Amino acid sequence: MKTDLFVIGGGPAGYNAAKRAAEQGMSVVLAEERRLGGVCLNEGCIPTKSLLHAAKIFDQGKKAADFGVAFDGGGRSSMPWRPRTRTGWLPP
């Protein structure tokens, strides 16, 4: 098999290199040991950021009572106070 470019690793850099070369008409082979996208997309950076974001929201929810918001654990919340805007009180 004859190829113009052999890319080792289907992470963000390898995937983009292979795609760009193919768009320019080159014959490309991309080798990835596991899943396309590499560690960053599938295990590292992106999933970690999503998990950290969810944990931050959860932590903020635990402190919501300090601001007058209560959660019942089933995803519902209640606000016993009514927010006020520049034009007046919002309806309950």
C-alpha atoms as a PDB file:
ATOM      1  CA  MET A   1       0.000   0.000   0.000  1.00  0.00           C
ATOM      2  CA  LYS A   2       1.442   3.352  -1.060  1.00  0.00           C
ATOM      3  CA  THR A   3       0.582   6.432   0.941  1.00  0.00           C
ATOM      4  CA  ASP A   4       1.737  10.043   0.971  1.00  0.00           C
ATOM      5  CA  LEU A   5       1.397  10.525   4.728  1.00  0.00           C
ATOM      6  CA  PHE A   6       1.258   8.150   7.669  1.00  0.00           C
ATOM      7  CA  VAL A   7       0.019   9.809  10.858  1.00  0.00           C
ATOM      8  CA  ILE A   8       0.629   8.113  14.193  1.00  0.00           C
ATOM      9  CA  GLY A   9      -1.965   9.093  16.794  1.00  0.00           C
ATOM     10  CA  GLY A  10      -5.543  10.236  16.297  1.00  0.00           C
ATOM     11  CA  GLY A  11      -5.512  12.953  18.939  1.00  0.00           C
ATOM     12  CA  PRO A  12      -6.323  16.594  18.181  1.00  0.00           C
ATOM     13  CA  ALA A  13      -3.035  17.211  16.316  1.00  0.00           C
ATOM     14  CA  GLY A  14      -2.900  13.903  14.440  1.00  0.00           C
ATOM     15  CA  TYR A  15      -6.553  14.014  13.429  1.00  0.00           C
ATOM     16  CA  ASN A  16      -6.244  17.569  12.106  1.00  0.00           C
ATOM     17  CA  ALA A  17      -3.006  16.809  10.259  1.00  0.00           C
ATOM     18  CA  ALA A  18      -4.577  13.797   8.542  1.00  0.00           C
ATOM     19  CA  LYS A  19      -7.743  15.692   7.654  1.00  0.00           C
ATOM     20  CA  ARG A  20      -5.869  18.673   6.254  1.00  0.00           C
ATOM     21  CA  ALA A  21      -3.554  16.480   4.185  1.00  0.00           C
ATOM     22  CA  ALA A  22      -6.518  14.545   2.786  1.00  0.00           C
ATOM     23  CA  GLU A  23      -8.273  17.814   1.885  1.00  0.00           C
ATOM     24  CA  GLN A  24      -5.193  18.735  -0.134  1.00  0.00           C
ATOM     25  CA  GLY A  25      -5.429  15.493  -2.085  1.00  0.00           C
ATOM     26  CA  MET A  26      -2.835  13.418  -0.279  1.00  0.00           C
ATOM     27  CA  SER A  27      -3.282   9.725   0.393  1.00  0.00           C
ATOM     28  CA  VAL A  28      -3.366   9.468   4.197  1.00  0.00           C
ATOM     29  CA  VAL A  29      -3.281   6.632   6.713  1.00  0.00           C
ATOM     30  CA  LEU A  30      -3.999   7.466  10.352  1.00  0.00           C
ATOM     31  CA  ALA A  31      -3.120   4.937  13.057  1.00  0.00           C
ATOM     32  CA  GLU A  32      -4.717   5.207  16.500  1.00  0.00           C
ATOM     33  CA  GLU A  33      -4.239   2.562  19.182  1.00  0.00           C
ATOM     34  CA  ARG A  34      -7.514   3.265  20.966  1.00  0.00           C
ATOM     35  CA  ARG A  35     -10.281   5.725  20.059  1.00  0.00           C
ATOM     36  CA  LEU A  36     -10.103   8.582  17.590  1.00  0.00           C
ATOM     37  CA  GLY A  37      -9.726  11.841  19.475  1.00  0.00           C
ATOM     38  CA  GLY A  38      -6.981  10.577  21.752  1.00  0.00           C
ATOM     39  CA  VAL A  39      -6.669  10.901  25.500  1.00  0.00           C
ATOM     40  CA  CYS A  40      -7.601  14.597  25.596  1.00  0.00           C
ATOM     41  CA  LEU A  41     -11.012  14.136  24.004  1.00  0.00           C
ATOM     42  CA  ASN A  42     -11.957  10.751  25.468  1.00  0.00           C
ATOM     43  CA  GLU A  43     -10.370  10.614  28.920  1.00  0.00           C
ATOM     44  CA  GLY A  44      -8.442  13.719  29.839  1.00  0.00           C
ATOM     45  CA  CYS A  45      -9.012  17.398  29.224  1.00  0.00           C
ATOM     46  CA  ILE A  46     -12.596  17.550  27.985  1.00  0.00           C
ATOM     47  CA  PRO A  47     -14.235  14.943  30.262  1.00  0.00           C
ATOM     48  CA  THR A  48     -12.313  16.367  33.228  1.00  0.00           C
ATOM     49  CA  LYS A  49     -13.521  19.887  32.490  1.00  0.00           C
ATOM     50  CA  SER A  50     -17.111  18.643  32.236  1.00  0.00           C
ATOM     51  CA  LEU A  51     -16.823  16.818  35.559  1.00  0.00           C
ATOM     52  CA  LEU A  52     -15.262  19.851  37.271  1.00  0.00           C
ATOM     53  CA  HIS A  53     -18.012  22.100  35.911  1.00  0.00           C
ATOM     54  CA  ALA A  54     -20.734  19.747  37.216  1.00  0.00           C
ATOM     55  CA  ALA A  55     -19.024  19.600  40.629  1.00  0.00           C
ATOM     56  CA  LYS A  56     -18.860  23.401  40.767  1.00  0.00           C
ATOM     57  CA  ILE A  57     -22.584  23.689  40.002  1.00  0.00           C
ATOM     58  CA  PHE A  58     -23.358  21.044  42.648  1.00  0.00           C
ATOM     59  CA  ASP A  59     -21.266  22.936  45.207  1.00  0.00           C
ATOM     60  CA  GLN A  60     -23.040  26.190  44.376  1.00  0.00           C
ATOM     61  CA  GLY A  61     -26.380  24.409  44.821  1.00  0.00           C
ATOM     62  CA  LYS A  62     -25.377  23.355  48.332  1.00  0.00           C
ATOM     63  CA  LYS A  63     -24.849  27.028  49.193  1.00  0.00           C
ATOM     64  CA  ALA A  64     -28.125  28.158  47.581  1.00  0.00           C
ATOM     65  CA  ALA A  65     -29.967  28.214  50.910  1.00  0.00           C
ATOM     66  CA  ASP A  66     -27.712  31.092  51.957  1.00  0.00           C
ATOM     67  CA  PHE A  67     -29.394  33.082  49.195  1.00  0.00           C
ATOM     68  CA  GLY A  68     -32.961  31.985  49.907  1.00  0.00           C
ATOM     69  CA  VAL A  69     -33.190  29.147  47.372  1.00  0.00           C
ATOM     70  CA  ALA A  70     -34.097  25.643  48.566  1.00  0.00           C
ATOM     71  CA  PHE A  71     -33.843  22.366  46.633  1.00  0.00           C
ATOM     72  CA  ASP A  72     -35.953  19.332  47.458  1.00  0.00           C
ATOM     73  CA  GLY A  73     -33.504  16.783  46.031  1.00  0.00           C
ATOM     74  CA  GLY A  74     -35.817  15.921  43.140  1.00  0.00           C
ATOM     75  CA  GLY A  75     -34.566  18.697  40.913  1.00  0.00           C
ATOM     76  CA  ARG A  76     -37.201  21.213  42.016  1.00  0.00           C
ATOM     77  CA  SER A  77     -36.399  24.460  43.752  1.00  0.00           C
ATOM     78  CA  SER A  78     -38.359  27.060  45.635  1.00  0.00           C
ATOM     79  CA  MET A  79     -37.645  30.716  46.233  1.00  0.00           C
ATOM     80  CA  PRO A  80     -39.722  32.111  49.087  1.00  0.00           C
ATOM     81  CA  TRP A  81     -38.675  35.643  48.165  1.00  0.00           C
ATOM     82  CA  ARG A  82     -39.552  37.576  45.030  1.00  0.00           C
ATOM     83  CA  PRO A  83     -36.728  39.153  43.045  1.00  0.00           C
ATOM     84  CA  ARG A  84     -36.913  42.870  42.423  1.00  0.00           C
ATOM     85  CA  THR A  85     -35.904  44.588  39.206  1.00  0.00           C
ATOM     86  CA  ARG A  86     -35.474  48.269  38.374  1.00  0.00           C
ATOM     87  CA  THR A  87     -39.153  48.426  37.405  1.00  0.00           C
ATOM     88  CA  GLY A  88     -40.541  46.658  40.485  1.00  0.00           C
ATOM     89  CA  TRP A  89     -41.145  43.247  42.016  1.00  0.00           C
ATOM     90  CA  LEU A  90     -41.379  40.185  39.762  1.00  0.00           C
ATOM     91  CA  PRO A  91     -44.626  38.232  40.017  1.00  0.00           C
ATOM     92  CA  PRO A  92     -44.599  35.127  42.261  1.00  0.00           C
END
